[in-house]
Amino acid sequence: MLNKLAICELLGIKYPIIQGGMARLGTAELVSAVSEAGGLGVIGSGDAPPEWLTAQIKNVRERTSKPFAVNVLLMSPFLEDTLRVVIEEHVGIVTMGGGNPGVYISRLKEAGTKIIPVISTVALARRVERLGIDAIVAEGMESGGHVGDTTTMALLPQVVDAVKVPVIAAGGIADGRGLVAALSLGAQGVQMGTRFVCSNECVAHKMFKERILSEKDRGTVVIGKSIGHPLRCIKNQMTRRFAEMEQAGASEEELGELLMGGLFKGTIEGKLDEGALMAGQICGLINEIKPVKNIIEDIMAEAQRVIENMTEPTQS
């Protein structure tokens, strides 16, 4: 049942599990491991230059022949170059987030690319569907990184009711129970980021991974609302400083300078006090760093057990 969902057929994958874009962390090592394990690996292009993306695409193809995607960050200063590389390299699947993808969809459709926007409102879901996208990721505010205002549980069924394309759930999902919950609300699959950070193959700094393992349900906070780019991060000295500056009326430029380079500092260099430790509210459910293959297999096995327990006849 779980490998016969429409999203699996659409993307050519075995399991309905998509890796989040994860800028800086969605590299060939992780992407190829997810795809090899039956999910959809996604290169996180973030704000990386086109040369980096080209090298990552080639690296993934050396490691696996299975489908993979590129996540296009619509706020990237290299956006046009990123789109050019995706088209020139004949990438078959693209996820898009961090803005309205509308003006870029026709160009990718002409290139034969499957397009999966990441959205946080029903209105945007309806808008992009009219432009001919192939599926939608409905992402709730529980996610790490850029977030909207609505929870996954509230957003997901409303998006499912509003569109006809397959919907993928994101935000607050880390195990088989989350997968089954998403399917019960009408999703065809799930997208996960934070869970894959805590994998052997992810290039994230060991100290960042261990910080995720140590956090509980209230370990994250959303910053950046005042500048129009809300980000969910693990609480640290940087987020506290950001909040203080916001309350003091700091300018958008000053707040932007505090965030500049923060993702790299925190997730790659392991500077846990200075960096932007982007992670979701699901941290408290993650208690182990293990290979991607084990993560995916464990999620699928747990999901199957949950479904079986739900369908077993009750004893009178």
C-alpha atoms as a PDB file:
ATOM      1  CA  MET A   1       0.000   0.000   0.000  1.00  0.00           C
ATOM      2  CA  LEU A   2       2.613   2.562   1.099  1.00  0.00           C
ATOM      3  CA  ASN A   3       4.699   2.162  -2.047  1.00  0.00           C
ATOM      4  CA  LYS A   4       1.710   2.350  -4.398  1.00  0.00           C
ATOM      5  CA  LEU A   5       0.825   5.949  -3.708  1.00  0.00           C
ATOM      6  CA  ALA A   6       0.442   8.379  -6.598  1.00  0.00           C
ATOM      7  CA  ILE A   7       3.478  10.400  -5.516  1.00  0.00           C
ATOM      8  CA  CYS A   8       5.703   7.327  -5.772  1.00  0.00           C
ATOM      9  CA  GLU A   9       4.577   6.713  -9.340  1.00  0.00           C
ATOM     10  CA  LEU A  10       4.910  10.395 -10.250  1.00  0.00           C
ATOM     11  CA  LEU A  11       8.479  10.696  -8.971  1.00  0.00           C
ATOM     12  CA  GLY A  12       9.675   7.169  -9.685  1.00  0.00           C
ATOM     13  CA  ILE A  13      10.486   6.405  -6.035  1.00  0.00           C
ATOM     14  CA  LYS A  14       9.848   3.392  -3.837  1.00  0.00           C
ATOM     15  CA  TYR A  15       8.733   5.137  -0.657  1.00  0.00           C
ATOM     16  CA  PRO A  16       6.676   8.339  -0.139  1.00  0.00           C
ATOM     17  CA  ILE A  17       9.525  10.128   1.634  1.00  0.00           C
ATOM     18  CA  ILE A  18      11.105  13.304   0.275  1.00  0.00           C
ATOM     19  CA  GLN A  19      14.157  14.940   1.785  1.00  0.00           C
ATOM     20  CA  GLY A  20      13.803  18.641   2.561  1.00  0.00           C
ATOM     21  CA  GLY A  21      15.869  21.159   0.566  1.00  0.00           C
ATOM     22  CA  MET A  22      18.205  21.817   3.507  1.00  0.00           C
ATOM     23  CA  ALA A  23      20.475  24.507   2.072  1.00  0.00           C
ATOM     24  CA  ARG A  24      24.148  23.822   2.822  1.00  0.00           C
ATOM     25  CA  LEU A  25      23.220  20.343   4.070  1.00  0.00           C
ATOM     26  CA  GLY A  26      21.438  18.853   1.042  1.00  0.00           C
ATOM     27  CA  THR A  27      24.678  17.733  -0.584  1.00  0.00           C
ATOM     28  CA  ALA A  28      25.470  14.766  -2.804  1.00  0.00           C
ATOM     29  CA  GLU A  29      26.334  12.546   0.174  1.00  0.00           C
ATOM     30  CA  LEU A  30      22.874  12.871   1.704  1.00  0.00           C
ATOM     31  CA  VAL A  31      20.913  13.214  -1.532  1.00  0.00           C
ATOM     32  CA  SER A  32      22.291  10.043  -3.087  1.00  0.00           C
ATOM     33  CA  ALA A  33      21.780   8.100   0.152  1.00  0.00           C
ATOM     34  CA  VAL A  34      18.106   9.112   0.354  1.00  0.00           C
ATOM     35  CA  SER A  35      17.491   8.243  -3.292  1.00  0.00           C
ATOM     36  CA  GLU A  36      19.335   4.937  -3.006  1.00  0.00           C
ATOM     37  CA  ALA A  37      17.217   4.057   0.045  1.00  0.00           C
ATOM     38  CA  GLY A  38      13.998   4.536  -1.939  1.00  0.00           C
ATOM     39  CA  GLY A  39      13.091   8.146  -1.143  1.00  0.00           C
ATOM     40  CA  LEU A  40      13.689  11.326  -3.124  1.00  0.00           C
ATOM     41  CA  GLY A  41      16.963  13.066  -2.339  1.00  0.00           C
ATOM     42  CA  VAL A  42      16.993  16.831  -2.879  1.00  0.00           C
ATOM     43  CA  ILE A  43      20.042  19.022  -3.496  1.00  0.00           C
ATOM     44  CA  GLY A  44      19.693  22.180  -1.391  1.00  0.00           C
ATOM     45  CA  SER A  45      20.985  24.886  -3.714  1.00  0.00           C
ATOM     46  CA  GLY A  46      20.262  27.654  -1.182  1.00  0.00           C
ATOM     47  CA  ASP A  47      22.322  30.720  -2.002  1.00  0.00           C
ATOM     48  CA  ALA A  48      25.148  28.681  -3.527  1.00  0.00           C
ATOM     49  CA  PRO A  49      26.743  29.781  -6.828  1.00  0.00           C
ATOM     50  CA  PRO A  50      26.007  27.854 -10.050  1.00  0.00           C
ATOM     51  CA  GLU A  51      29.408  26.133 -10.087  1.00  0.00           C
ATOM     52  CA  TRP A  52      28.659  24.481  -6.772  1.00  0.00           C
ATOM     53  CA  LEU A  53      25.255  23.271  -7.966  1.00  0.00           C
ATOM     54  CA  THR A  54      26.659  21.872 -11.201  1.00  0.00           C
ATOM     55  CA  ALA A  55      29.300  19.932  -9.263  1.00  0.00           C
ATOM     56  CA  GLN A  56      26.689  18.583  -6.845  1.00  0.00           C
ATOM     57  CA  ILE A  57      24.427  17.370  -9.656  1.00  0.00           C
ATOM     58  CA  LYS A  58      27.319  15.545 -11.297  1.00  0.00           C
ATOM     59  CA  ASN A  59      28.372  14.077  -7.945  1.00  0.00           C
ATOM     60  CA  VAL A  60      24.883  12.747  -7.242  1.00  0.00           C
ATOM     61  CA  ARG A  61      24.732  11.129 -10.670  1.00  0.00           C
ATOM     62  CA  GLU A  62      28.050   9.408 -10.014  1.00  0.00           C
ATOM     63  CA  ARG A  63      26.637   7.966  -6.789  1.00  0.00           C
ATOM     64  CA  THR A  64      23.150   6.898  -7.894  1.00  0.00           C
ATOM     65  CA  SER A  65      21.063   6.362 -11.016  1.00  0.00           C
ATOM     66  CA  LYS A  66      17.830   6.877  -9.090  1.00  0.00           C
ATOM     67  CA  PRO A  67      15.650  10.025  -9.241  1.00  0.00           C
ATOM     68  CA  PHE A  68      16.688  13.120  -7.306  1.00  0.00           C
ATOM     69  CA  ALA A  69      15.626  16.765  -7.235  1.00  0.00           C
ATOM     70  CA  VAL A  70      17.072  20.244  -6.796  1.00  0.00           C
ATOM     71  CA  ASN A  71      15.526  22.678  -4.333  1.00  0.00           C
ATOM     72  CA  VAL A  72      15.468  26.210  -5.751  1.00  0.00           C
ATOM     73  CA  LEU A  73      15.507  28.986  -3.140  1.00  0.00           C
ATOM     74  CA  LEU A  74      13.535  31.826  -4.691  1.00  0.00           C
ATOM     75  CA  MET A  75      15.384  34.391  -2.539  1.00  0.00           C
ATOM     76  CA  SER A  76      18.806  33.285  -3.780  1.00  0.00           C
ATOM     77  CA  PRO A  77      21.023  35.956  -5.361  1.00  0.00           C
ATOM     78  CA  PHE A  78      21.920  33.276  -7.913  1.00  0.00           C
ATOM     79  CA  LEU A  79      18.307  32.386  -8.768  1.00  0.00           C
ATOM     80  CA  GLU A  80      18.617  32.907 -12.527  1.00  0.00           C
ATOM     81  CA  ASP A  81      21.875  30.949 -12.641  1.00  0.00           C
ATOM     82  CA  THR A  82      20.314  28.161 -10.574  1.00  0.00           C
ATOM     83  CA  LEU A  83      17.402  27.839 -13.000  1.00  0.00           C
ATOM     84  CA  ARG A  84      19.816  27.839 -15.949  1.00  0.00           C
ATOM     85  CA  VAL A  85      21.873  25.007 -14.413  1.00  0.00           C
ATOM     86  CA  VAL A  86      18.764  22.953 -13.609  1.00  0.00           C
ATOM     87  CA  ILE A  87      17.619  23.215 -17.218  1.00  0.00           C
ATOM     88  CA  GLU A  88      21.041  22.664 -18.799  1.00  0.00           C
ATOM     89  CA  GLU A  89      21.694  19.613 -16.612  1.00  0.00           C
ATOM     90  CA  HIS A  90      18.232  18.185 -17.398  1.00  0.00           C
ATOM     91  CA  VAL A  91      17.262  17.819 -13.733  1.00  0.00           C
ATOM     92  CA  GLY A  92      13.963  15.962 -13.766  1.00  0.00           C
ATOM     93  CA  ILE A  93      12.415  17.280 -10.540  1.00  0.00           C
ATOM     94  CA  VAL A  94      12.543  20.661  -8.817  1.00  0.00           C
ATOM     95  CA  THR A  95      11.149  21.784  -5.481  1.00  0.00           C
ATOM     96  CA  MET A  96      10.819  25.533  -4.946  1.00  0.00           C
ATOM     97  CA  GLY A  97      10.461  27.555  -1.755  1.00  0.00           C
ATOM     98  CA  GLY A  98      11.078  30.895  -0.109  1.00  0.00           C
ATOM     99  CA  GLY A  99       8.713  32.913  -2.287  1.00  0.00           C
ATOM    100  CA  ASN A 100       6.145  32.818  -5.091  1.00  0.00           C
ATOM    101  CA  PRO A 101       7.375  30.498  -7.879  1.00  0.00           C
ATOM    102  CA  GLY A 102       4.731  31.576 -10.403  1.00  0.00           C
ATOM    103  CA  VAL A 103       6.897  33.487 -12.893  1.00  0.00           C
ATOM    104  CA  TYR A 104       9.425  30.650 -13.164  1.00  0.00           C
ATOM    105  CA  ILE A 105       7.091  27.696 -13.665  1.00  0.00           C
ATOM    106  CA  SER A 106       6.540  28.031 -17.421  1.00  0.00           C
ATOM    107  CA  ARG A 107      10.294  27.984 -18.098  1.00  0.00           C
ATOM    108  CA  LEU A 108      10.747  24.765 -16.153  1.00  0.00           C
ATOM    109  CA  LYS A 109       7.661  23.159 -17.693  1.00  0.00           C
ATOM    110  CA  GLU A 110       9.031  23.836 -21.170  1.00  0.00           C
ATOM    111  CA  ALA A 111      12.183  21.973 -20.148  1.00  0.00           C
ATOM    112  CA  GLY A 112      10.117  18.952 -19.069  1.00  0.00           C
ATOM    113  CA  THR A 113      10.889  19.377 -15.369  1.00  0.00           C
ATOM    114  CA  LYS A 114       8.437  18.174 -12.725  1.00  0.00           C
ATOM    115  CA  ILE A 115       7.721  21.119 -10.413  1.00  0.00           C
ATOM    116  CA  ILE A 116       6.833  20.857  -6.713  1.00  0.00           C
ATOM    117  CA  PRO A 117       6.421  24.220  -4.966  1.00  0.00           C
ATOM    118  CA  VAL A 118       6.621  24.427  -1.185  1.00  0.00           C
ATOM    119  CA  ILE A 119       3.694  26.522   0.056  1.00  0.00           C
ATOM    120  CA  SER A 120       2.353  27.657   3.420  1.00  0.00           C
ATOM    121  CA  THR A 121      -1.115  28.965   2.459  1.00  0.00           C
ATOM    122  CA  VAL A 122      -4.158  27.596   0.675  1.00  0.00           C
ATOM    123  CA  ALA A 123      -4.289  30.661  -1.583  1.00  0.00           C
ATOM    124  CA  LEU A 124      -0.788  30.039  -2.911  1.00  0.00           C
ATOM    125  CA  ALA A 125      -1.552  26.343  -3.397  1.00  0.00           C
ATOM    126  CA  ARG A 126      -4.518  27.225  -5.613  1.00  0.00           C
ATOM    127  CA  ARG A 127      -2.489  29.809  -7.512  1.00  0.00           C
ATOM    128  CA  VAL A 128       0.402  27.518  -8.398  1.00  0.00           C
ATOM    129  CA  GLU A 129      -1.892  24.641  -9.317  1.00  0.00           C
ATOM    130  CA  ARG A 130      -3.440  26.812 -12.009  1.00  0.00           C
ATOM    131  CA  LEU A 131       0.027  27.235 -13.495  1.00  0.00           C
ATOM    132  CA  GLY A 132       0.396  23.504 -14.068  1.00  0.00           C
ATOM    133  CA  ILE A 133       2.678  22.258 -11.301  1.00  0.00           C
ATOM    134  CA  ASP A 134       2.911  18.516 -10.652  1.00  0.00           C
ATOM    135  CA  ALA A 135       2.584  18.298  -6.856  1.00  0.00           C
ATOM    136  CA  ILE A 136       2.650  20.569  -3.803  1.00  0.00           C
ATOM    137  CA  VAL A 137       4.464  20.469  -0.482  1.00  0.00           C
ATOM    138  CA  ALA A 138       2.174  21.889   2.217  1.00  0.00           C
ATOM    139  CA  GLU A 139       4.582  23.015   4.931  1.00  0.00           C
ATOM    140  CA  GLY A 140       3.406  23.884   8.412  1.00  0.00           C
ATOM    141  CA  MET A 141       5.053  26.259  10.850  1.00  0.00           C
ATOM    142  CA  GLU A 142       6.621  23.355  12.767  1.00  0.00           C
ATOM    143  CA  SER A 143       9.352  23.115  10.123  1.00  0.00           C
ATOM    144  CA  GLY A 144      12.885  24.339  10.516  1.00  0.00           C
ATOM    145  CA  GLY A 145      14.049  27.303   8.422  1.00  0.00           C
ATOM    146  CA  HIS A 146      11.574  29.529   6.573  1.00  0.00           C
ATOM    147  CA  VAL A 147       8.045  29.067   7.934  1.00  0.00           C
ATOM    148  CA  GLY A 148       4.502  30.343   7.541  1.00  0.00           C
ATOM    149  CA  ASP A 149       1.803  30.936  10.148  1.00  0.00           C
ATOM    150  CA  THR A 150      -0.312  27.750  10.025  1.00  0.00           C
ATOM    151  CA  THR A 151       0.349  24.378  11.616  1.00  0.00           C
ATOM    152  CA  THR A 152       0.735  21.286   9.458  1.00  0.00           C
ATOM    153  CA  MET A 153      -2.354  19.625  10.876  1.00  0.00           C
ATOM    154  CA  ALA A 154      -4.510  22.648  10.056  1.00  0.00           C
ATOM    155  CA  LEU A 155      -2.893  23.499   6.702  1.00  0.00           C
ATOM    156  CA  LEU A 156      -2.596  20.047   5.167  1.00  0.00           C
ATOM    157  CA  PRO A 157      -6.276  18.974   4.921  1.00  0.00           C
ATOM    158  CA  GLN A 158      -7.263  22.428   3.690  1.00  0.00           C
ATOM    159  CA  VAL A 159      -4.703  22.257   0.883  1.00  0.00           C
ATOM    160  CA  VAL A 160      -5.769  18.702   0.037  1.00  0.00           C
ATOM    161  CA  ASP A 161      -9.353  19.902  -0.289  1.00  0.00           C
ATOM    162  CA  ALA A 162      -8.336  22.901  -2.399  1.00  0.00           C
ATOM    163  CA  VAL A 163      -6.240  21.210  -5.128  1.00  0.00           C
ATOM    164  CA  LYS A 164      -6.289  18.123  -7.303  1.00  0.00           C
ATOM    165  CA  VAL A 165      -2.527  17.473  -7.575  1.00  0.00           C
ATOM    166  CA  PRO A 166      -0.775  15.215  -5.042  1.00  0.00           C
ATOM    167  CA  VAL A 167       0.050  16.952  -1.762  1.00  0.00           C
ATOM    168  CA  ILE A 168       3.140  16.216   0.326  1.00  0.00           C
ATOM    169  CA  ALA A 169       3.098  17.075   4.035  1.00  0.00           C
ATOM    170  CA  ALA A 170       6.012  18.855   5.719  1.00  0.00           C
ATOM    171  CA  GLY A 171       6.613  20.195   9.205  1.00  0.00           C
ATOM    172  CA  GLY A 172       6.684  18.201  12.430  1.00  0.00           C
ATOM    173  CA  ILE A 173       7.226  14.771  10.835  1.00  0.00           C
ATOM    174  CA  ALA A 174      10.055  12.481  11.888  1.00  0.00           C
ATOM    175  CA  ASP A 175       8.725   8.938  12.167  1.00  0.00           C
ATOM    176  CA  GLY A 176       6.204   6.403  10.916  1.00  0.00           C
ATOM    177  CA  ARG A 177       3.432   7.816  13.077  1.00  0.00           C
ATOM    178  CA  GLY A 178       3.875  11.183  11.381  1.00  0.00           C
ATOM    179  CA  LEU A 179       3.741   9.548   7.965  1.00  0.00           C
ATOM    180  CA  VAL A 180       0.478   7.748   8.775  1.00  0.00           C
ATOM    181  CA  ALA A 181      -1.005  10.923  10.268  1.00  0.00           C
ATOM    182  CA  ALA A 182      -0.168  12.823   7.076  1.00  0.00           C
ATOM    183  CA  LEU A 183      -1.692  10.111   4.901  1.00  0.00           C
ATOM    184  CA  SER A 184      -4.848  10.124   7.024  1.00  0.00           C
ATOM    185  CA  LEU A 185      -5.211  13.865   6.316  1.00  0.00           C
ATOM    186  CA  GLY A 186      -5.002  13.265   2.587  1.00  0.00           C
ATOM    187  CA  ALA A 187      -1.291  13.645   1.859  1.00  0.00           C
ATOM    188  CA  GLN A 188       0.441  11.365  -0.620  1.00  0.00           C
ATOM    189  CA  GLY A 189       3.774  11.505   1.159  1.00  0.00           C
ATOM    190  CA  VAL A 190       5.966  13.470   3.549  1.00  0.00           C
ATOM    191  CA  GLN A 191       8.958  15.769   3.350  1.00  0.00           C
ATOM    192  CA  MET A 192      11.469  15.730   6.202  1.00  0.00           C
ATOM    193  CA  GLY A 193      14.498  17.895   6.906  1.00  0.00           C
ATOM    194  CA  THR A 194      15.470  17.825  10.581  1.00  0.00           C
ATOM    195  CA  ARG A 195      15.260  14.025  10.771  1.00  0.00           C
ATOM    196  CA  PHE A 196      17.759  13.728   7.899  1.00  0.00           C
ATOM    197  CA  VAL A 197      20.172  16.202   9.504  1.00  0.00           C
ATOM    198  CA  CYS A 198      20.720  13.523  12.146  1.00  0.00           C
ATOM    199  CA  SER A 199      21.936  10.949   9.659  1.00  0.00           C
ATOM    200  CA  ASN A 200      25.449   9.616   9.152  1.00  0.00           C
ATOM    201  CA  GLU A 201      25.541  10.909   5.584  1.00  0.00           C
ATOM    202  CA  CYS A 202      24.566  14.514   6.322  1.00  0.00           C
ATOM    203  CA  VAL A 203      27.555  16.904   6.254  1.00  0.00           C
ATOM    204  CA  ALA A 204      26.215  18.898   9.218  1.00  0.00           C
ATOM    205  CA  HIS A 205      28.700  19.438  12.037  1.00  0.00           C
ATOM    206  CA  LYS A 206      28.590  16.731  14.702  1.00  0.00           C
ATOM    207  CA  MET A 207      27.933  19.341  17.403  1.00  0.00           C
ATOM    208  CA  PHE A 208      24.871  20.609  15.519  1.00  0.00           C
ATOM    209  CA  LYS A 209      23.512  17.073  15.211  1.00  0.00           C
ATOM    210  CA  GLU A 210      24.083  16.477  18.919  1.00  0.00           C
ATOM    211  CA  ARG A 211      22.352  19.765  19.747  1.00  0.00           C
ATOM    212  CA  ILE A 212      19.249  18.554  17.886  1.00  0.00           C
ATOM    213  CA  LEU A 213      19.318  15.300  19.865  1.00  0.00           C
ATOM    214  CA  SER A 214      19.456  17.237  23.132  1.00  0.00           C
ATOM    215  CA  GLU A 215      16.505  19.554  22.389  1.00  0.00           C
ATOM    216  CA  LYS A 216      12.912  19.047  23.488  1.00  0.00           C
ATOM    217  CA  ASP A 217       9.548  20.231  22.197  1.00  0.00           C
ATOM    218  CA  ARG A 218      10.102  23.887  23.179  1.00  0.00           C
ATOM    219  CA  GLY A 219      13.702  24.117  22.033  1.00  0.00           C
ATOM    220  CA  THR A 220      13.068  26.239  18.924  1.00  0.00           C
ATOM    221  CA  VAL A 221      11.889  29.779  18.268  1.00  0.00           C
ATOM    222  CA  VAL A 222      10.789  31.768  15.213  1.00  0.00           C
ATOM    223  CA  ILE A 223      12.818  34.905  14.474  1.00  0.00           C
ATOM    224  CA  GLY A 224      12.740  37.353  11.582  1.00  0.00           C
ATOM    225  CA  LYS A 225       9.024  38.104  11.452  1.00  0.00           C
ATOM    226  CA  SER A 226       9.704  41.835  11.579  1.00  0.00           C
ATOM    227  CA  ILE A 227      11.748  41.686   8.365  1.00  0.00           C
ATOM    228  CA  GLY A 228       9.303  39.445   6.525  1.00  0.00           C
ATOM    229  CA  HIS A 229      11.457  36.307   6.590  1.00  0.00           C
ATOM    230  CA  PRO A 230      10.465  34.229   9.632  1.00  0.00           C
ATOM    231  CA  LEU A 231      12.937  31.466  10.454  1.00  0.00           C
ATOM    232  CA  ARG A 232      12.580  28.630  12.947  1.00  0.00           C
ATOM    233  CA  CYS A 233      15.847  27.969  14.735  1.00  0.00           C
ATOM    234  CA  ILE A 234      17.053  26.300  17.902  1.00  0.00           C
ATOM    235  CA  LYS A 235      17.254  28.841  20.727  1.00  0.00           C
ATOM    236  CA  ASN A 236      20.766  30.134  21.320  1.00  0.00           C
ATOM    237  CA  GLN A 237      22.679  33.349  21.949  1.00  0.00           C
ATOM    238  CA  MET A 238      22.094  34.503  18.364  1.00  0.00           C
ATOM    239  CA  THR A 239      18.286  34.144  18.541  1.00  0.00           C
ATOM    240  CA  ARG A 240      18.221  35.954  21.892  1.00  0.00           C
ATOM    241  CA  ARG A 241      20.336  38.772  20.460  1.00  0.00           C
ATOM    242  CA  PHE A 242      18.041  38.948  17.425  1.00  0.00           C
ATOM    243  CA  ALA A 243      14.965  39.278  19.655  1.00  0.00           C
ATOM    244  CA  GLU A 244      16.626  42.018  21.712  1.00  0.00           C
ATOM    245  CA  MET A 245      17.532  43.955  18.570  1.00  0.00           C
ATOM    246  CA  GLU A 246      13.992  43.597  17.192  1.00  0.00           C
ATOM    247  CA  GLN A 247      12.505  44.944  20.421  1.00  0.00           C
ATOM    248  CA  ALA A 248      14.962  47.838  20.346  1.00  0.00           C
ATOM    249  CA  GLY A 249      13.794  48.789  16.852  1.00  0.00           C
ATOM    250  CA  ALA A 250      16.849  47.656  14.878  1.00  0.00           C
ATOM    251  CA  SER A 251      16.668  48.207  11.127  1.00  0.00           C
ATOM    252  CA  GLU A 252      16.166  45.425   8.609  1.00  0.00           C
ATOM    253  CA  GLU A 253      19.752  45.943   7.488  1.00  0.00           C
ATOM    254  CA  GLU A 254      21.104  45.539  11.021  1.00  0.00           C
ATOM    255  CA  LEU A 255      19.060  42.392  11.624  1.00  0.00           C
ATOM    256  CA  GLY A 256      20.122  41.015   8.248  1.00  0.00           C
ATOM    257  CA  GLU A 257      23.768  41.522   9.167  1.00  0.00           C
ATOM    258  CA  LEU A 258      23.288  39.481  12.337  1.00  0.00           C
ATOM    259  CA  LEU A 259      21.897  36.601  10.260  1.00  0.00           C
ATOM    260  CA  MET A 260      24.502  36.875   7.501  1.00  0.00           C
ATOM    261  CA  GLY A 261      26.444  33.642   7.220  1.00  0.00           C
ATOM    262  CA  GLY A 262      24.612  32.271  10.237  1.00  0.00           C
ATOM    263  CA  LEU A 263      23.487  29.047   8.618  1.00  0.00           C
ATOM    264  CA  PHE A 264      27.034  28.104   7.618  1.00  0.00           C
ATOM    265  CA  LYS A 265      28.438  29.055  11.028  1.00  0.00           C
ATOM    266  CA  GLY A 266      25.935  26.966  12.916  1.00  0.00           C
ATOM    267  CA  THR A 267      25.327  23.905  10.783  1.00  0.00           C
ATOM    268  CA  ILE A 268      28.706  23.407   9.092  1.00  0.00           C
ATOM    269  CA  GLU A 269      31.250  25.057  11.396  1.00  0.00           C
ATOM    270  CA  GLY A 270      29.470  24.026  14.596  1.00  0.00           C
ATOM    271  CA  LYS A 271      29.480  27.506  16.162  1.00  0.00           C
ATOM    272  CA  LEU A 272      26.390  26.813  18.200  1.00  0.00           C
ATOM    273  CA  ASP A 273      26.122  30.216  19.868  1.00  0.00           C
ATOM    274  CA  GLU A 274      26.776  32.384  16.780  1.00  0.00           C
ATOM    275  CA  GLY A 275      24.980  30.428  14.091  1.00  0.00           C
ATOM    276  CA  ALA A 276      21.412  30.055  12.863  1.00  0.00           C
ATOM    277  CA  LEU A 277      20.625  26.497  13.954  1.00  0.00           C
ATOM    278  CA  MET A 278      17.663  25.893  11.661  1.00  0.00           C
ATOM    279  CA  ALA A 279      15.645  22.919  12.898  1.00  0.00           C
ATOM    280  CA  GLY A 280      12.019  21.978  13.424  1.00  0.00           C
ATOM    281  CA  GLN A 281       9.876  21.464  16.496  1.00  0.00           C
ATOM    282  CA  ILE A 282      10.288  17.735  15.942  1.00  0.00           C
ATOM    283  CA  CYS A 283      13.735  17.774  17.610  1.00  0.00           C
ATOM    284  CA  GLY A 284      12.340  16.097  20.723  1.00  0.00           C
ATOM    285  CA  LEU A 285      11.417  12.987  18.719  1.00  0.00           C
ATOM    286  CA  ILE A 286      14.927  12.469  17.353  1.00  0.00           C
ATOM    287  CA  ASN A 287      17.237  10.554  19.659  1.00  0.00           C
ATOM    288  CA  GLU A 288      19.722   8.829  17.393  1.00  0.00           C
ATOM    289  CA  ILE A 289      22.122   9.529  14.537  1.00  0.00           C
ATOM    290  CA  LYS A 290      22.033   6.649  12.076  1.00  0.00           C
ATOM    291  CA  PRO A 291      22.363   5.829   8.351  1.00  0.00           C
ATOM    292  CA  VAL A 292      19.742   7.194   5.960  1.00  0.00           C
ATOM    293  CA  LYS A 293      18.808   3.668   4.897  1.00  0.00           C
ATOM    294  CA  ASN A 294      17.938   2.777   8.491  1.00  0.00           C
ATOM    295  CA  ILE A 295      15.970   5.996   8.990  1.00  0.00           C
ATOM    296  CA  ILE A 296      13.769   5.318   5.968  1.00  0.00           C
ATOM    297  CA  GLU A 297      13.339   1.611   6.637  1.00  0.00           C
ATOM    298  CA  ASP A 298      12.436   2.259  10.276  1.00  0.00           C
ATOM    299  CA  ILE A 299       9.857   4.887   9.300  1.00  0.00           C
ATOM    300  CA  MET A 300       8.236   2.580   6.778  1.00  0.00           C
ATOM    301  CA  ALA A 301       8.185  -0.360   9.210  1.00  0.00           C
ATOM    302  CA  GLU A 302       6.668   1.761  11.966  1.00  0.00           C
ATOM    303  CA  ALA A 303       4.063   3.179   9.594  1.00  0.00           C
ATOM    304  CA  GLN A 304       3.052  -0.322   8.577  1.00  0.00           C
ATOM    305  CA  ARG A 305       2.713  -1.373  12.222  1.00  0.00           C
ATOM    306  CA  VAL A 306       0.586   1.669  13.005  1.00  0.00           C
ATOM    307  CA  ILE A 307      -1.724   0.936  10.076  1.00  0.00           C
ATOM    308  CA  GLU A 308      -2.045  -2.709  11.063  1.00  0.00           C
ATOM    309  CA  ASN A 309      -2.843  -1.786  14.665  1.00  0.00           C
ATOM    310  CA  MET A 310      -5.508   0.635  13.494  1.00  0.00           C
ATOM    311  CA  THR A 311      -7.180  -1.938  11.272  1.00  0.00           C
ATOM    312  CA  GLU A 312      -7.045  -4.914  13.651  1.00  0.00           C
ATOM    313  CA  PRO A 313     -10.502  -5.873  14.964  1.00  0.00           C
ATOM    314  CA  THR A 314     -10.998  -4.982  18.624  1.00  0.00           C
ATOM    315  CA  GLN A 315     -11.495  -7.754  21.137  1.00  0.00           C
ATOM    316  CA  SER A 316     -14.957  -7.798  22.707  1.00  0.00           C
END
